Amino acid sequence: MTDMTKYKNVSLSKETYKVLEALSKVILPDGRLSISKTIEVLTNEKARKLNGKVKVKRS
């Protein structure tokens, strides 16, 4: 069972889902990257590029 204290859920349009599938193949061409992990990788990359401009409250 999913640990509800660690995870959230998102809804995506079918078009966005297709884009994420394509991006996952570019990020990891020789493997399988889940949509969740693809979102995580892209989010972390964007946060790094913003160089500290994003403030996240950690609980």
Protein backbone atom coordinates (compact mmCIF):
# COMPACT_ATOMS: atom_id res chain seq x y z
CA MET A 1 0.00 0.00 0.00
CA THR A 2 1.20 3.52 -0.80
CA ASP A 3 2.56 5.56 2.11
CA MET A 4 0.19 8.56 2.06
CA THR A 5 2.61 10.61 4.17
CA LYS A 6 5.24 10.52 1.39
CA TYR A 7 3.30 10.78 -1.88
CA LYS A 8 0.72 12.94 -3.64
CA ASN A 9 -1.27 12.34 -6.80
CA VAL A 10 -1.56 14.48 -9.96
CA SER A 11 -3.89 14.39 -12.95
CA LEU A 12 -2.53 15.03 -16.42
CA SER A 13 -4.13 15.59 -19.78
CA LYS A 14 -3.60 12.80 -22.28
CA GLU A 15 -1.46 15.13 -24.38
CA THR A 16 0.81 15.95 -21.41
CA TYR A 17 1.09 12.24 -20.63
CA LYS A 18 2.23 11.57 -24.22
CA VAL A 19 4.85 14.31 -23.94
CA LEU A 20 6.11 12.84 -20.67
CA GLU A 21 6.39 9.40 -22.27
CA ALA A 22 8.51 10.87 -25.07
CA LEU A 23 10.66 12.81 -22.60
CA SER A 24 11.23 9.71 -20.48
CA LYS A 25 12.73 7.95 -23.52
CA VAL A 26 15.09 10.88 -24.11
CA ILE A 27 16.13 11.09 -20.44
CA LEU A 28 16.84 7.35 -20.20
CA PRO A 29 17.08 5.93 -23.75
CA ASP A 30 18.19 2.41 -22.80
CA GLY A 31 15.77 1.91 -19.91
CA ARG A 32 12.27 2.48 -18.69
CA LEU A 33 11.57 5.62 -16.70
CA SER A 34 8.14 5.88 -15.08
CA ILE A 35 5.99 8.94 -15.60
CA SER A 36 6.31 9.75 -11.89
CA LYS A 37 10.09 9.56 -12.04
CA THR A 38 10.13 11.62 -15.25
CA ILE A 39 8.16 14.37 -13.49
CA GLU A 40 10.55 14.17 -10.54
CA VAL A 41 13.66 14.44 -12.76
CA LEU A 42 12.28 17.38 -14.73
CA THR A 43 11.14 19.19 -11.59
CA ASN A 44 14.50 18.82 -9.88
CA GLU A 45 16.33 19.92 -13.03
CA LYS A 46 14.17 23.05 -13.31
CA ALA A 47 14.65 23.86 -9.61
CA ARG A 48 18.44 23.60 -10.03
CA LYS A 49 18.33 25.89 -13.06
CA LEU A 50 16.42 28.49 -11.06
CA ASN A 51 19.44 28.51 -8.74
CA GLY A 52 17.82 28.89 -5.35
CA LYS A 53 14.90 31.09 -6.44
CA VAL A 54 12.45 28.36 -5.45
CA LYS A 55 11.77 28.17 -1.72
CA VAL A 56 10.25 24.90 -0.57
CA LYS A 57 8.93 24.45 2.95
CA ARG A 58 9.90 20.99 4.15
CA SER A 59 7.85 19.37 6.87
